[in-house]
Amino acid sequence: MKDFILLMHADTLRPERDEDWEPYIGRLMEAGSFQGGSALGQGQAFRKEGDAAPLTGQLTGYIKIQADSRQSVRAALKGNPTYEAGGTVEIRELVEG
């Protein structure tokens, strides 16, 4: 199994329904793929030298899941409130280093 992170963007075409998150997370938990997640609050960007890149304000939250393949992760988007509201969900594989 590989670890993936789903990054939710703030670009939905319709408002997300807060009540849809619990059943969606529940389905991921039942499938044994849910590894954690959270909404993202305010933040700051830092750099040792020079100006830091601007904070990415388009990210609203993340979910970490385990899956066999990127196709399995893509299938797990069904029911994601951001995705269902017409928003972008970015899938990234977490690489062990």
PDB file of N, CA and C in Angstrom:
ATOM      1  N   MET A   1       0.837  -1.185   0.000  1.00  0.00           N
ATOM      2  CA  MET A   1       0.000   0.000   0.000  1.00  0.00           C
ATOM      3  C   MET A   1       0.881   1.246   0.000  1.00  0.00           C
ATOM      4  N   LYS A   2       0.394   2.245  -0.693  1.00  0.00           N
ATOM      5  CA  LYS A   2       1.102   3.521  -0.770  1.00  0.00           C
ATOM      6  C   LYS A   2       0.303   4.576  -0.015  1.00  0.00           C
ATOM      7  N   ASP A   3       1.010   5.604   0.458  1.00  0.00           N
ATOM      8  CA  ASP A   3       0.360   6.723   1.127  1.00  0.00           C
ATOM      9  C   ASP A   3       0.140   7.847   0.131  1.00  0.00           C
ATOM     10  N   PHE A   4      -1.056   8.421   0.193  1.00  0.00           N
ATOM     11  CA  PHE A   4      -1.422   9.547  -0.660  1.00  0.00           C
ATOM     12  C   PHE A   4      -2.028  10.644   0.199  1.00  0.00           C
ATOM     13  N   ILE A   5      -1.957  11.855  -0.302  1.00  0.00           N
ATOM     14  CA  ILE A   5      -2.623  12.969   0.355  1.00  0.00           C
ATOM     15  C   ILE A   5      -3.565  13.614  -0.662  1.00  0.00           C
ATOM     16  N   LEU A   6      -4.763  13.899  -0.216  1.00  0.00           N
ATOM     17  CA  LEU A   6      -5.740  14.621  -1.019  1.00  0.00           C
ATOM     18  C   LEU A   6      -5.744  16.061  -0.512  1.00  0.00           C
ATOM     19  N   LEU A   7      -5.494  16.998  -1.391  1.00  0.00           N
ATOM     20  CA  LEU A   7      -5.471  18.414  -1.030  1.00  0.00           C
ATOM     21  C   LEU A   7      -6.707  19.093  -1.603  1.00  0.00           C
ATOM     22  N   MET A   8      -7.560  19.588  -0.727  1.00  0.00           N
ATOM     23  CA  MET A   8      -8.776  20.252  -1.158  1.00  0.00           C
ATOM     24  C   MET A   8      -8.501  21.729  -1.439  1.00  0.00           C
ATOM     25  N   HIS A   9      -8.976  22.203  -2.590  1.00  0.00           N
ATOM     26  CA  HIS A   9      -8.794  23.593  -3.008  1.00  0.00           C
ATOM     27  C   HIS A   9     -10.075  24.391  -2.751  1.00  0.00           C
ATOM     28  N   ALA A  10      -9.917  25.684  -2.627  1.00  0.00           N
ATOM     29  CA  ALA A  10     -11.034  26.597  -2.373  1.00  0.00           C
ATOM     30  C   ALA A  10     -11.594  27.136  -3.684  1.00  0.00           C
ATOM     31  N   ASP A  11     -12.021  26.231  -4.568  1.00  0.00           N
ATOM     32  CA  ASP A  11     -12.537  26.687  -5.863  1.00  0.00           C
ATOM     33  C   ASP A  11     -13.843  25.985  -6.242  1.00  0.00           C
ATOM     34  N   THR A  12     -14.642  25.636  -5.247  1.00  0.00           N
ATOM     35  CA  THR A  12     -15.879  24.921  -5.536  1.00  0.00           C
ATOM     36  C   THR A  12     -16.833  25.802  -6.349  1.00  0.00           C
ATOM     37  N   LEU A  13     -17.617  25.148  -7.187  1.00  0.00           N
ATOM     38  CA  LEU A  13     -18.620  25.857  -7.987  1.00  0.00           C
ATOM     39  C   LEU A  13     -19.901  26.085  -7.193  1.00  0.00           C
ATOM     40  N   ARG A  14     -20.112  25.242  -6.185  1.00  0.00           N
ATOM     41  CA  ARG A  14     -21.274  25.339  -5.297  1.00  0.00           C
ATOM     42  C   ARG A  14     -20.762  25.234  -3.859  1.00  0.00           C
ATOM     43  N   PRO A  15     -21.505  25.730  -2.893  1.00  0.00           N
ATOM     44  CA  PRO A  15     -21.061  25.589  -1.499  1.00  0.00           C
ATOM     45  C   PRO A  15     -20.996  24.112  -1.093  1.00  0.00           C
ATOM     46  N   GLU A  16     -19.949  23.771  -0.351  1.00  0.00           N
ATOM     47  CA  GLU A  16     -19.862  22.422   0.218  1.00  0.00           C
ATOM     48  C   GLU A  16     -20.873  22.308   1.348  1.00  0.00           C
ATOM     49  N   ARG A  17     -21.343  21.105   1.554  1.00  0.00           N
ATOM     50  CA  ARG A  17     -22.255  20.853   2.671  1.00  0.00           C
ATOM     51  C   ARG A  17     -21.454  20.207   3.799  1.00  0.00           C
ATOM     52  N   ASP A  18     -21.333  20.914   4.915  1.00  0.00           N
ATOM     53  CA  ASP A  18     -20.551  20.409   6.051  1.00  0.00           C
ATOM     54  C   ASP A  18     -21.014  19.028   6.504  1.00  0.00           C
ATOM     55  N   GLU A  19     -22.309  18.779   6.419  1.00  0.00           N
ATOM     56  CA  GLU A  19     -22.844  17.494   6.888  1.00  0.00           C
ATOM     57  C   GLU A  19     -22.424  16.318   6.005  1.00  0.00           C
ATOM     58  N   ASP A  20     -21.831  16.592   4.839  1.00  0.00           N
ATOM     59  CA  ASP A  20     -21.373  15.514   3.955  1.00  0.00           C
ATOM     60  C   ASP A  20     -19.987  14.974   4.325  1.00  0.00           C
ATOM     61  N   TRP A  21     -19.253  15.698   5.155  1.00  0.00           N
ATOM     62  CA  TRP A  21     -17.905  15.255   5.504  1.00  0.00           C
ATOM     63  C   TRP A  21     -17.907  13.996   6.374  1.00  0.00           C
ATOM     64  N   GLU A  22     -18.766  13.943   7.366  1.00  0.00           N
ATOM     65  CA  GLU A  22     -18.767  12.788   8.276  1.00  0.00           C
ATOM     66  C   GLU A  22     -19.038  11.469   7.554  1.00  0.00           C
ATOM     67  N   PRO A  23     -20.071  11.377   6.703  1.00  0.00           N
ATOM     68  CA  PRO A  23     -20.276  10.112   5.994  1.00  0.00           C
ATOM     69  C   PRO A  23     -19.139   9.779   5.020  1.00  0.00           C
ATOM     70  N   TYR A  24     -18.549  10.800   4.404  1.00  0.00           N
ATOM     71  CA  TYR A  24     -17.436  10.550   3.482  1.00  0.00           C
ATOM     72  C   TYR A  24     -16.238   9.976   4.241  1.00  0.00           C
ATOM     73  N   ILE A  25     -15.865  10.608   5.330  1.00  0.00           N
ATOM     74  CA  ILE A  25     -14.746  10.110   6.145  1.00  0.00           C
ATOM     75  C   ILE A  25     -15.081   8.724   6.680  1.00  0.00           C
ATOM     76  N   GLY A  26     -16.327   8.510   7.075  1.00  0.00           N
ATOM     77  CA  GLY A  26     -16.753   7.197   7.561  1.00  0.00           C
ATOM     78  C   GLY A  26     -16.547   6.101   6.523  1.00  0.00           C
ATOM     79  N   ARG A  27     -16.860   6.391   5.260  1.00  0.00           N
ATOM     80  CA  ARG A  27     -16.652   5.399   4.193  1.00  0.00           C
ATOM     81  C   ARG A  27     -15.168   5.087   4.005  1.00  0.00           C
ATOM     82  N   LEU A  28     -14.326   6.120   4.092  1.00  0.00           N
ATOM     83  CA  LEU A  28     -12.885   5.893   3.977  1.00  0.00           C
ATOM     84  C   LEU A  28     -12.373   5.055   5.153  1.00  0.00           C
ATOM     85  N   MET A  29     -12.922   5.305   6.338  1.00  0.00           N
ATOM     86  CA  MET A  29     -12.519   4.542   7.521  1.00  0.00           C
ATOM     87  C   MET A  29     -12.957   3.081   7.389  1.00  0.00           C
ATOM     88  N   GLU A  30     -14.184   2.863   6.939  1.00  0.00           N
ATOM     89  CA  GLU A  30     -14.682   1.501   6.755  1.00  0.00           C
ATOM     90  C   GLU A  30     -13.843   0.728   5.746  1.00  0.00           C
ATOM     91  N   ALA A  31     -13.343   1.416   4.734  1.00  0.00           N
ATOM     92  CA  ALA A  31     -12.506   0.783   3.721  1.00  0.00           C
ATOM     93  C   ALA A  31     -11.080   0.554   4.230  1.00  0.00           C
ATOM     94  N   GLY A  32     -10.760   1.110   5.394  1.00  0.00           N
ATOM     95  CA  GLY A  32      -9.427   0.952   5.964  1.00  0.00           C
ATOM     96  C   GLY A  32      -8.367   1.826   5.322  1.00  0.00           C
ATOM     97  N   SER A  33      -8.785   2.840   4.565  1.00  0.00           N
ATOM     98  CA  SER A  33      -7.809   3.669   3.863  1.00  0.00           C
ATOM     99  C   SER A  33      -7.523   4.998   4.558  1.00  0.00           C
ATOM    100  N   PHE A  34      -8.416   5.465   5.422  1.00  0.00           N
ATOM    101  CA  PHE A  34      -8.265   6.776   6.063  1.00  0.00           C
ATOM    102  C   PHE A  34      -7.106   6.762   7.056  1.00  0.00           C
ATOM    103  N   GLN A  35      -6.203   7.716   6.920  1.00  0.00           N
ATOM    104  CA  GLN A  35      -5.038   7.820   7.798  1.00  0.00           C
ATOM    105  C   GLN A  35      -4.989   9.145   8.551  1.00  0.00           C
ATOM    106  N   GLY A  36      -5.955  10.012   8.345  1.00  0.00           N
ATOM    107  CA  GLY A  36      -5.994  11.299   9.036  1.00  0.00           C
ATOM    108  C   GLY A  36      -6.316  12.424   8.084  1.00  0.00           C
ATOM    109  N   GLY A  37      -6.485  13.597   8.643  1.00  0.00           N
ATOM    110  CA  GLY A  37      -6.778  14.761   7.831  1.00  0.00           C
ATOM    111  C   GLY A  37      -7.248  15.908   8.687  1.00  0.00           C
ATOM    112  N   SER A  38      -7.396  17.071   8.075  1.00  0.00           N
ATOM    113  CA  SER A  38      -7.801  18.250   8.812  1.00  0.00           C
ATOM    114  C   SER A  38      -8.122  19.386   7.853  1.00  0.00           C
ATOM    115  N   ALA A  39      -8.929  20.308   8.333  1.00  0.00           N
ATOM    116  CA  ALA A  39      -9.067  21.585   7.646  1.00  0.00           C
ATOM    117  C   ALA A  39      -7.778  22.355   7.903  1.00  0.00           C
ATOM    118  N   LEU A  40      -7.447  23.298   7.041  1.00  0.00           N
ATOM    119  CA  LEU A  40      -6.254  24.110   7.217  1.00  0.00           C
ATOM    120  C   LEU A  40      -6.643  25.511   7.646  1.00  0.00           C
ATOM    121  N   GLY A  41      -6.015  26.000   8.703  1.00  0.00           N
ATOM    122  CA  GLY A  41      -6.257  27.351   9.192  1.00  0.00           C
ATOM    123  C   GLY A  41      -5.247  28.330   8.611  1.00  0.00           C
ATOM    124  N   GLN A  42      -5.163  29.475   9.239  1.00  0.00           N
ATOM    125  CA  GLN A  42      -4.214  30.506   8.827  1.00  0.00           C
ATOM    126  C   GLN A  42      -2.793  30.011   9.026  1.00  0.00           C
ATOM    127  N   GLY A  43      -1.855  30.524   8.248  1.00  0.00           N
ATOM    128  CA  GLY A  43      -0.464  30.104   8.364  1.00  0.00           C
ATOM    129  C   GLY A  43       0.487  31.222   8.001  1.00  0.00           C
ATOM    130  N   GLN A  44       1.758  30.901   8.033  1.00  0.00           N
ATOM    131  CA  GLN A  44       2.807  31.831   7.655  1.00  0.00           C
ATOM    132  C   GLN A  44       3.851  31.062   6.860  1.00  0.00           C
ATOM    133  N   ALA A  45       4.561  31.756   5.993  1.00  0.00           N
ATOM    134  CA  ALA A  45       5.634  31.148   5.208  1.00  0.00           C
ATOM    135  C   ALA A  45       6.959  31.751   5.649  1.00  0.00           C
ATOM    136  N   PHE A  46       7.976  30.929   5.781  1.00  0.00           N
ATOM    137  CA  PHE A  46       9.286  31.378   6.241  1.00  0.00           C
ATOM    138  C   PHE A  46      10.377  30.892   5.303  1.00  0.00           C
ATOM    139  N   ARG A  47      11.451  31.640   5.290  1.00  0.00           N
ATOM    140  CA  ARG A  47      12.619  31.291   4.494  1.00  0.00           C
ATOM    141  C   ARG A  47      13.839  31.834   5.229  1.00  0.00           C
ATOM    142  N   LYS A  48      14.894  31.070   5.279  1.00  0.00           N
ATOM    143  CA  LYS A  48      16.082  31.497   6.020  1.00  0.00           C
ATOM    144  C   LYS A  48      16.673  32.775   5.431  1.00  0.00           C
ATOM    145  N   GLU A  49      16.737  32.843   4.105  1.00  0.00           N
ATOM    146  CA  GLU A  49      17.302  34.023   3.442  1.00  0.00           C
ATOM    147  C   GLU A  49      16.330  34.536   2.389  1.00  0.00           C
ATOM    148  N   GLY A  50      16.159  35.822   2.327  1.00  0.00           N
ATOM    149  CA  GLY A  50      15.289  36.422   1.321  1.00  0.00           C
ATOM    150  C   GLY A  50      13.817  36.300   1.692  1.00  0.00           C
ATOM    151  N   ASP A  51      12.985  36.746   0.781  1.00  0.00           N
ATOM    152  CA  ASP A  51      11.541  36.714   0.998  1.00  0.00           C
ATOM    153  C   ASP A  51      10.983  35.324   0.713  1.00  0.00           C
ATOM    154  N   ALA A  52      10.097  34.879   1.567  1.00  0.00           N
ATOM    155  CA  ALA A  52       9.430  33.589   1.361  1.00  0.00           C
ATOM    156  C   ALA A  52       8.401  33.711   0.245  1.00  0.00           C
ATOM    157  N   ALA A  53       8.133  32.603  -0.408  1.00  0.00           N
ATOM    158  CA  ALA A  53       7.063  32.572  -1.404  1.00  0.00           C
ATOM    159  C   ALA A  53       5.740  32.874  -0.709  1.00  0.00           C
ATOM    160  N   PRO A  54       4.784  33.431  -1.424  1.00  0.00           N
ATOM    161  CA  PRO A  54       3.493  33.729  -0.800  1.00  0.00           C
ATOM    162  C   PRO A  54       2.808  32.445  -0.319  1.00  0.00           C
ATOM    163  N   LEU A  55       2.078  32.575   0.756  1.00  0.00           N
ATOM    164  CA  LEU A  55       1.317  31.461   1.303  1.00  0.00           C
ATOM    165  C   LEU A  55       0.262  31.026   0.287  1.00  0.00           C
ATOM    166  N   THR A  56       0.091  29.726   0.119  1.00  0.00           N
ATOM    167  CA  THR A  56      -0.908  29.204  -0.808  1.00  0.00           C
ATOM    168  C   THR A  56      -2.271  29.259  -0.122  1.00  0.00           C
ATOM    169  N   GLY A  57      -3.058  30.240  -0.488  1.00  0.00           N
ATOM    170  CA  GLY A  57      -4.352  30.441   0.141  1.00  0.00           C
ATOM    171  C   GLY A  57      -5.460  29.581  -0.432  1.00  0.00           C
ATOM    172  N   GLN A  58      -5.177  28.858  -1.498  1.00  0.00           N
ATOM    173  CA  GLN A  58      -6.234  28.080  -2.137  1.00  0.00           C
ATOM    174  C   GLN A  58      -6.481  26.737  -1.479  1.00  0.00           C
ATOM    175  N   LEU A  59      -5.592  26.287  -0.593  1.00  0.00           N
ATOM    176  CA  LEU A  59      -5.777  24.988   0.064  1.00  0.00           C
ATOM    177  C   LEU A  59      -6.624  25.146   1.315  1.00  0.00           C
ATOM    178  N   THR A  60      -7.654  24.308   1.418  1.00  0.00           N
ATOM    179  CA  THR A  60      -8.560  24.405   2.565  1.00  0.00           C
ATOM    180  C   THR A  60      -8.450  23.233   3.516  1.00  0.00           C
ATOM    181  N   GLY A  61      -7.875  22.113   3.069  1.00  0.00           N
ATOM    182  CA  GLY A  61      -7.755  20.954   3.938  1.00  0.00           C
ATOM    183  C   GLY A  61      -7.062  19.808   3.240  1.00  0.00           C
ATOM    184  N   TYR A  62      -6.822  18.739   4.013  1.00  0.00           N
ATOM    185  CA  TYR A  62      -6.166  17.565   3.451  1.00  0.00           C
ATOM    186  C   TYR A  62      -6.713  16.300   4.096  1.00  0.00           C
ATOM    187  N   ILE A  63      -6.570  15.210   3.383  1.00  0.00           N
ATOM    188  CA  ILE A  63      -6.886  13.875   3.882  1.00  0.00           C
ATOM    189  C   ILE A  63      -5.749  12.966   3.455  1.00  0.00           C
ATOM    190  N   LYS A  64      -5.241  12.190   4.393  1.00  0.00           N
ATOM    191  CA  LYS A  64      -4.203  11.211   4.074  1.00  0.00           C
ATOM    192  C   LYS A  64      -4.869   9.848   4.010  1.00  0.00           C
ATOM    193  N   ILE A  65      -4.615   9.114   2.908  1.00  0.00           N
ATOM    194  CA  ILE A  65      -5.185   7.783   2.763  1.00  0.00           C
ATOM    195  C   ILE A  65      -4.112   6.811   2.274  1.00  0.00           C
ATOM    196  N   GLN A  66      -4.395   5.528   2.446  1.00  0.00           N
ATOM    197  CA  GLN A  66      -3.562   4.474   1.873  1.00  0.00           C
ATOM    198  C   GLN A  66      -4.360   3.816   0.758  1.00  0.00           C
ATOM    199  N   ALA A  67      -3.664   3.497  -0.326  1.00  0.00           N
ATOM    200  CA  ALA A  67      -4.323   2.857  -1.467  1.00  0.00           C
ATOM    201  C   ALA A  67      -3.292   2.077  -2.266  1.00  0.00           C
ATOM    202  N   ASP A  68      -3.798   1.150  -3.073  1.00  0.00           N
ATOM    203  CA  ASP A  68      -2.941   0.336  -3.937  1.00  0.00           C
ATOM    204  C   ASP A  68      -2.366   1.136  -5.090  1.00  0.00           C
ATOM    205  N   SER A  69      -3.163   2.074  -5.609  1.00  0.00           N
ATOM    206  CA  SER A  69      -2.764   2.774  -6.830  1.00  0.00           C
ATOM    207  C   SER A  69      -3.420   4.144  -6.889  1.00  0.00           C
ATOM    208  N   ARG A  70      -2.927   4.943  -7.802  1.00  0.00           N
ATOM    209  CA  ARG A  70      -3.514   6.270  -8.028  1.00  0.00           C
ATOM    210  C   ARG A  70      -4.960   6.128  -8.512  1.00  0.00           C
ATOM    211  N   GLN A  71      -5.268   5.053  -9.258  1.00  0.00           N
ATOM    212  CA  GLN A  71      -6.641   4.824  -9.719  1.00  0.00           C
ATOM    213  C   GLN A  71      -7.576   4.573  -8.531  1.00  0.00           C
ATOM    214  N   SER A  72      -7.084   3.858  -7.523  1.00  0.00           N
ATOM    215  CA  SER A  72      -7.893   3.617  -6.322  1.00  0.00           C
ATOM    216  C   SER A  72      -8.160   4.916  -5.579  1.00  0.00           C
ATOM    217  N   VAL A  73      -7.164   5.764  -5.533  1.00  0.00           N
ATOM    218  CA  VAL A  73      -7.335   7.067  -4.885  1.00  0.00           C
ATOM    219  C   VAL A  73      -8.354   7.886  -5.665  1.00  0.00           C
ATOM    220  N   ARG A  74      -8.247   7.860  -6.972  1.00  0.00           N
ATOM    221  CA  ARG A  74      -9.201   8.605  -7.814  1.00  0.00           C
ATOM    222  C   ARG A  74     -10.632   8.128  -7.551  1.00  0.00           C
ATOM    223  N   ALA A  75     -10.818   6.824  -7.393  1.00  0.00           N
ATOM    224  CA  ALA A  75     -12.143   6.287  -7.097  1.00  0.00           C
ATOM    225  C   ALA A  75     -12.634   6.759  -5.732  1.00  0.00           C
ATOM    226  N   ALA A  76     -11.706   6.999  -4.809  1.00  0.00           N
ATOM    227  CA  ALA A  76     -12.073   7.453  -3.466  1.00  0.00           C
ATOM    228  C   ALA A  76     -12.571   8.900  -3.442  1.00  0.00           C
ATOM    229  N   LEU A  77     -12.471   9.595  -4.566  1.00  0.00           N
ATOM    230  CA  LEU A  77     -12.988  10.967  -4.629  1.00  0.00           C
ATOM    231  C   LEU A  77     -14.512  11.009  -4.604  1.00  0.00           C
ATOM    232  N   LYS A  78     -15.143   9.907  -5.004  1.00  0.00           N
ATOM    233  CA  LYS A  78     -16.607   9.876  -5.015  1.00  0.00           C
ATOM    234  C   LYS A  78     -17.125  10.154  -3.602  1.00  0.00           C
ATOM    235  N   GLY A  79     -17.955  11.157  -3.487  1.00  0.00           N
ATOM    236  CA  GLY A  79     -18.523  11.546  -2.206  1.00  0.00           C
ATOM    237  C   GLY A  79     -17.734  12.609  -1.473  1.00  0.00           C
ATOM    238  N   ASN A  80     -16.515  12.926  -1.936  1.00  0.00           N
ATOM    239  CA  ASN A  80     -15.738  13.985  -1.289  1.00  0.00           C
ATOM    240  C   ASN A  80     -16.495  15.300  -1.475  1.00  0.00           C
ATOM    241  N   PRO A  81     -16.859  15.989  -0.386  1.00  0.00           N
ATOM    242  CA  PRO A  81     -17.684  17.194  -0.523  1.00  0.00           C
ATOM    243  C   PRO A  81     -17.080  18.282  -1.401  1.00  0.00           C
ATOM    244  N   THR A  82     -15.779  18.456  -1.396  1.00  0.00           N
ATOM    245  CA  THR A  82     -15.160  19.459  -2.269  1.00  0.00           C
ATOM    246  C   THR A  82     -15.318  19.038  -3.726  1.00  0.00           C
ATOM    247  N   TYR A  83     -14.997  17.789  -4.007  1.00  0.00           N
ATOM    248  CA  TYR A  83     -15.094  17.256  -5.369  1.00  0.00           C
ATOM    249  C   TYR A  83     -16.542  17.302  -5.860  1.00  0.00           C
ATOM    250  N   GLU A  84     -17.472  16.874  -5.024  1.00  0.00           N
ATOM    251  CA  GLU A  84     -18.887  16.844  -5.417  1.00  0.00           C
ATOM    252  C   GLU A  84     -19.462  18.241  -5.618  1.00  0.00           C
ATOM    253  N   ALA A  85     -18.859  19.262  -4.980  1.00  0.00           N
ATOM    254  CA  ALA A  85     -19.315  20.641  -5.151  1.00  0.00           C
ATOM    255  C   ALA A  85     -18.622  21.313  -6.339  1.00  0.00           C
ATOM    256  N   GLY A  86     -17.916  20.514  -7.152  1.00  0.00           N
ATOM    257  CA  GLY A  86     -17.272  21.040  -8.345  1.00  0.00           C
ATOM    258  C   GLY A  86     -15.894  21.614  -8.101  1.00  0.00           C
ATOM    259  N   GLY A  87     -15.321  21.346  -6.926  1.00  0.00           N
ATOM    260  CA  GLY A  87     -13.999  21.878  -6.594  1.00  0.00           C
ATOM    261  C   GLY A  87     -12.875  20.920  -6.975  1.00  0.00           C
ATOM    262  N   THR A  88     -11.676  21.434  -6.891  1.00  0.00           N
ATOM    263  CA  THR A  88     -10.469  20.676  -7.211  1.00  0.00           C
ATOM    264  C   THR A  88      -9.988  19.919  -5.984  1.00  0.00           C
ATOM    265  N   VAL A  89      -9.647  18.647  -6.186  1.00  0.00           N
ATOM    266  CA  VAL A  89      -8.964  17.854  -5.171  1.00  0.00           C
ATOM    267  C   VAL A  89      -7.688  17.344  -5.825  1.00  0.00           C
ATOM    268  N   GLU A  90      -6.578  17.774  -5.294  1.00  0.00           N
ATOM    269  CA  GLU A  90      -5.261  17.407  -5.822  1.00  0.00           C
ATOM    270  C   GLU A  90      -4.806  16.121  -5.129  1.00  0.00           C
ATOM    271  N   ILE A  91      -4.333  15.158  -5.903  1.00  0.00           N
ATOM    272  CA  ILE A  91      -3.823  13.898  -5.352  1.00  0.00           C
ATOM    273  C   ILE A  91      -2.317  13.900  -5.464  1.00  0.00           C
ATOM    274  N   ARG A  92      -1.652  13.656  -4.339  1.00  0.00           N
ATOM    275  CA  ARG A  92      -0.195  13.560  -4.325  1.00  0.00           C
ATOM    276  C   ARG A  92       0.222  12.285  -3.615  1.00  0.00           C
ATOM    277  N   GLU A  93       1.177  11.572  -4.189  1.00  0.00           N
ATOM    278  CA  GLU A  93       1.726  10.405  -3.506  1.00  0.00           C
ATOM    279  C   GLU A  93       2.770  10.897  -2.514  1.00  0.00           C
ATOM    280  N   LEU A  94       2.748  10.356  -1.302  1.00  0.00           N
ATOM    281  CA  LEU A  94       3.747  10.693  -0.303  1.00  0.00           C
ATOM    282  C   LEU A  94       4.917   9.733  -0.470  1.00  0.00           C
ATOM    283  N   VAL A  95       6.056  10.295  -0.760  1.00  0.00           N
ATOM    284  CA  VAL A  95       7.239   9.502  -1.056  1.00  0.00           C
ATOM    285  C   VAL A  95       8.089   9.378   0.200  1.00  0.00           C
ATOM    286  N   GLU A  96       8.401   8.141   0.573  1.00  0.00           N
ATOM    287  CA  GLU A  96       9.275   7.920   1.723  1.00  0.00           C
ATOM    288  C   GLU A  96      10.696   8.220   1.312  1.00  0.00           C
ATOM    289  N   GLY A  97      11.406   8.899   2.191  1.00  0.00           N
ATOM    290  CA  GLY A  97      12.754   9.261   1.810  1.00  0.00           C
ATOM    291  C   GLY A  97      13.787   8.951   2.807  1.00  0.00           C
TER     292      GLY A  97
END
